[in-house]
């Protein structure tokens, strides 16, 4: 059974994995702009 993703969710499991694998040289602000979320979301 696949996990249910809320229709208003800004990130998916795939995007969260990409964020976690981003190199430390990429800033939170840059990731936030790339994925259309806030820096606080990236920090989580």
PDB file of N, CA and C in Angstrom:
ATOM      1  N   UNK A   1       0.840  -1.176   0.000  1.00  0.00           N
ATOM      2  CA  UNK A   1       0.000   0.000   0.000  1.00  0.00           C
ATOM      3  C   UNK A   1       0.889   1.244   0.000  1.00  0.00           C
ATOM      4  N   UNK A   2       0.680   2.108  -0.958  1.00  0.00           N
ATOM      5  CA  UNK A   2       1.481   3.330  -1.088  1.00  0.00           C
ATOM      6  C   UNK A   2       1.007   4.368  -0.075  1.00  0.00           C
ATOM      7  N   UNK A   3       1.945   5.169   0.451  1.00  0.00           N
ATOM      8  CA  UNK A   3       1.544   6.211   1.403  1.00  0.00           C
ATOM      9  C   UNK A   3       0.687   7.270   0.708  1.00  0.00           C
ATOM     10  N   UNK A   4      -0.284   7.765   1.436  1.00  0.00           N
ATOM     11  CA  UNK A   4      -1.156   8.805   0.907  1.00  0.00           C
ATOM     12  C   UNK A   4      -0.488  10.155   1.115  1.00  0.00           C
ATOM     13  N   UNK A   5      -0.431  10.951   0.060  1.00  0.00           N
ATOM     14  CA  UNK A   5       0.170  12.279   0.132  1.00  0.00           C
ATOM     15  C   UNK A   5      -0.954  13.300   0.069  1.00  0.00           C
ATOM     16  N   UNK A   6      -0.941  14.231   0.994  1.00  0.00           N
ATOM     17  CA  UNK A   6      -1.967  15.274   1.044  1.00  0.00           C
ATOM     18  C   UNK A   6      -1.944  16.077  -0.243  1.00  0.00           C
ATOM     19  N   UNK A   7      -3.107  16.465  -0.736  1.00  0.00           N
ATOM     20  CA  UNK A   7      -3.182  17.174  -2.014  1.00  0.00           C
ATOM     21  C   UNK A   7      -2.469  18.525  -1.973  1.00  0.00           C
ATOM     22  N   UNK A   8      -2.320  19.121  -0.796  1.00  0.00           N
ATOM     23  CA  UNK A   8      -1.646  20.413  -0.679  1.00  0.00           C
ATOM     24  C   UNK A   8      -0.183  20.283  -0.269  1.00  0.00           C
ATOM     25  N   UNK A   9       0.333  19.068  -0.205  1.00  0.00           N
ATOM     26  CA  UNK A   9       1.721  18.856   0.211  1.00  0.00           C
ATOM     27  C   UNK A   9       2.672  19.493  -0.788  1.00  0.00           C
ATOM     28  N   UNK A  10       3.649  20.229  -0.281  1.00  0.00           N
ATOM     29  CA  UNK A  10       4.625  20.891  -1.144  1.00  0.00           C
ATOM     30  C   UNK A  10       5.800  19.976  -1.456  1.00  0.00           C
ATOM     31  N   UNK A  11       6.022  18.982  -0.602  1.00  0.00           N
ATOM     32  CA  UNK A  11       7.116  18.045  -0.853  1.00  0.00           C
ATOM     33  C   UNK A  11       6.579  16.621  -0.877  1.00  0.00           C
ATOM     34  N   UNK A  12       7.244  15.805  -1.634  1.00  0.00           N
ATOM     35  CA  UNK A  12       6.911  14.387  -1.724  1.00  0.00           C
ATOM     36  C   UNK A  12       8.088  13.608  -1.142  1.00  0.00           C
ATOM     37  N   UNK A  13       7.919  12.330  -0.907  1.00  0.00           N
ATOM     38  CA  UNK A  13       9.058  11.552  -0.413  1.00  0.00           C
ATOM     39  C   UNK A  13      10.283  11.658  -1.335  1.00  0.00           C
ATOM     40  N   UNK A  14      10.072  11.725  -2.640  1.00  0.00           N
ATOM     41  CA  UNK A  14      11.187  11.849  -3.581  1.00  0.00           C
ATOM     42  C   UNK A  14      11.913  13.181  -3.391  1.00  0.00           C
ATOM     43  N   UNK A  15      11.166  14.276  -3.263  1.00  0.00           N
ATOM     44  CA  UNK A  15      11.779  15.596  -3.072  1.00  0.00           C
ATOM     45  C   UNK A  15      12.500  15.652  -1.735  1.00  0.00           C
ATOM     46  N   UNK A  16      11.911  15.096  -0.678  1.00  0.00           N
ATOM     47  CA  UNK A  16      12.579  15.091   0.630  1.00  0.00           C
ATOM     48  C   UNK A  16      13.901  14.321   0.569  1.00  0.00           C
ATOM     49  N   UNK A  17      13.925  13.227  -0.188  1.00  0.00           N
ATOM     50  CA  UNK A  17      15.166  12.464  -0.343  1.00  0.00           C
ATOM     51  C   UNK A  17      16.211  13.294  -1.089  1.00  0.00           C
ATOM     52  N   UNK A  18      15.800  14.019  -2.118  1.00  0.00           N
ATOM     53  CA  UNK A  18      16.728  14.877  -2.863  1.00  0.00           C
ATOM     54  C   UNK A  18      17.294  15.964  -1.961  1.00  0.00           C
ATOM     55  N   UNK A  19      16.459  16.534  -1.106  1.00  0.00           N
ATOM     56  CA  UNK A  19      16.916  17.573  -0.179  1.00  0.00           C
ATOM     57  C   UNK A  19      17.952  16.996   0.778  1.00  0.00           C
ATOM     58  N   UNK A  20      17.694  15.808   1.301  1.00  0.00           N
ATOM     59  CA  UNK A  20      18.626  15.184   2.246  1.00  0.00           C
ATOM     60  C   UNK A  20      19.950  14.829   1.594  1.00  0.00           C
ATOM     61  N   UNK A  21      19.933  14.518   0.304  1.00  0.00           N
ATOM     62  CA  UNK A  21      21.157  14.126  -0.396  1.00  0.00           C
ATOM     63  C   UNK A  21      21.921  15.310  -0.976  1.00  0.00           C
ATOM     64  N   UNK A  22      21.366  16.514  -0.857  1.00  0.00           N
ATOM     65  CA  UNK A  22      22.042  17.694  -1.391  1.00  0.00           C
ATOM     66  C   UNK A  22      23.360  17.910  -0.656  1.00  0.00           C
ATOM     67  N   UNK A  23      24.397  18.298  -1.390  1.00  0.00           N
ATOM     68  CA  UNK A  23      25.691  18.523  -0.736  1.00  0.00           C
ATOM     69  C   UNK A  23      25.627  19.709   0.222  1.00  0.00           C
ATOM     70  N   UNK A  24      26.443  19.698   1.260  1.00  0.00           N
ATOM     71  CA  UNK A  24      26.432  20.786   2.240  1.00  0.00           C
ATOM     72  C   UNK A  24      26.760  22.148   1.635  1.00  0.00           C
ATOM     73  N   UNK A  25      27.399  22.157   0.472  1.00  0.00           N
ATOM     74  CA  UNK A  25      27.760  23.430  -0.155  1.00  0.00           C
ATOM     75  C   UNK A  25      26.539  24.170  -0.707  1.00  0.00           C
ATOM     76  N   UNK A  26      25.407  23.476  -0.853  1.00  0.00           N
ATOM     77  CA  UNK A  26      24.181  24.111  -1.335  1.00  0.00           C
ATOM     78  C   UNK A  26      23.441  24.669  -0.124  1.00  0.00           C
ATOM     79  N   UNK A  27      23.144  25.963  -0.159  1.00  0.00           N
ATOM     80  CA  UNK A  27      22.511  26.600   0.993  1.00  0.00           C
ATOM     81  C   UNK A  27      21.039  26.211   1.115  1.00  0.00           C
ATOM     82  N   UNK A  28      20.514  26.378   2.331  1.00  0.00           N
ATOM     83  CA  UNK A  28      19.087  26.126   2.563  1.00  0.00           C
ATOM     84  C   UNK A  28      18.241  27.047   1.693  1.00  0.00           C
ATOM     85  N   UNK A  29      18.681  28.295   1.537  1.00  0.00           N
ATOM     86  CA  UNK A  29      17.924  29.261   0.727  1.00  0.00           C
ATOM     87  C   UNK A  29      17.849  28.803  -0.729  1.00  0.00           C
ATOM     88  N   UNK A  30      18.951  28.291  -1.248  1.00  0.00           N
ATOM     89  CA  UNK A  30      18.968  27.820  -2.634  1.00  0.00           C
ATOM     90  C   UNK A  30      18.039  26.619  -2.806  1.00  0.00           C
ATOM     91  N   UNK A  31      18.083  25.700  -1.854  1.00  0.00           N
ATOM     92  CA  UNK A  31      17.182  24.540  -1.923  1.00  0.00           C
ATOM     93  C   UNK A  31      15.729  24.973  -1.811  1.00  0.00           C
ATOM     94  N   UNK A  32      15.457  25.931  -0.935  1.00  0.00           N
ATOM     95  CA  UNK A  32      14.081  26.419  -0.765  1.00  0.00           C
ATOM     96  C   UNK A  32      13.555  27.016  -2.068  1.00  0.00           C
ATOM     97  N   UNK A  33      14.390  27.806  -2.737  1.00  0.00           N
ATOM     98  CA  UNK A  33      13.969  28.381  -4.023  1.00  0.00           C
ATOM     99  C   UNK A  33      13.744  27.286  -5.058  1.00  0.00           C
ATOM    100  N   UNK A  34      14.642  26.309  -5.102  1.00  0.00           N
ATOM    101  CA  UNK A  34      14.549  25.232  -6.095  1.00  0.00           C
ATOM    102  C   UNK A  34      13.250  24.446  -5.949  1.00  0.00           C
ATOM    103  N   UNK A  35      12.860  24.166  -4.694  1.00  0.00           N
ATOM    104  CA  UNK A  35      11.688  23.317  -4.472  1.00  0.00           C
ATOM    105  C   UNK A  35      10.424  24.081  -4.104  1.00  0.00           C
ATOM    106  N   UNK A  36      10.500  25.407  -4.032  1.00  0.00           N
ATOM    107  CA  UNK A  36       9.307  26.208  -3.767  1.00  0.00           C
ATOM    108  C   UNK A  36       8.778  26.066  -2.363  1.00  0.00           C
ATOM    109  N   UNK A  37       9.689  25.929  -1.387  1.00  0.00           N
ATOM    110  CA  UNK A  37       9.297  25.825   0.008  1.00  0.00           C
ATOM    111  C   UNK A  37      10.099  26.846   0.806  1.00  0.00           C
ATOM    112  N   UNK A  38       9.839  26.935   2.101  1.00  0.00           N
ATOM    113  CA  UNK A  38      10.546  27.894   2.944  1.00  0.00           C
ATOM    114  C   UNK A  38      11.858  27.289   3.444  1.00  0.00           C
ATOM    115  N   UNK A  39      12.738  28.182   3.937  1.00  0.00           N
ATOM    116  CA  UNK A  39      13.999  27.704   4.521  1.00  0.00           C
ATOM    117  C   UNK A  39      13.738  26.840   5.745  1.00  0.00           C
ATOM    118  N   UNK A  40      12.672  27.143   6.486  1.00  0.00           N
ATOM    119  CA  UNK A  40      12.328  26.338   7.657  1.00  0.00           C
ATOM    120  C   UNK A  40      11.969  24.912   7.255  1.00  0.00           C
ATOM    121  N   UNK A  41      11.295  24.759   6.144  1.00  0.00           N
ATOM    122  CA  UNK A  41      10.951  23.416   5.652  1.00  0.00           C
ATOM    123  C   UNK A  41      12.219  22.659   5.294  1.00  0.00           C
ATOM    124  N   UNK A  42      13.156  23.329   4.672  1.00  0.00           N
ATOM    125  CA  UNK A  42      14.416  22.682   4.301  1.00  0.00           C
ATOM    126  C   UNK A  42      15.172  22.276   5.562  1.00  0.00           C
ATOM    127  N   UNK A  43      15.154  23.114   6.571  1.00  0.00           N
ATOM    128  CA  UNK A  43      15.871  22.838   7.822  1.00  0.00           C
ATOM    129  C   UNK A  43      15.310  21.609   8.547  1.00  0.00           C
ATOM    130  N   UNK A  44      14.039  21.314   8.353  1.00  0.00           N
ATOM    131  CA  UNK A  44      13.444  20.154   9.013  1.00  0.00           C
ATOM    132  C   UNK A  44      14.122  18.903   8.522  1.00  0.00           C
TER     133      UNK A  44
END
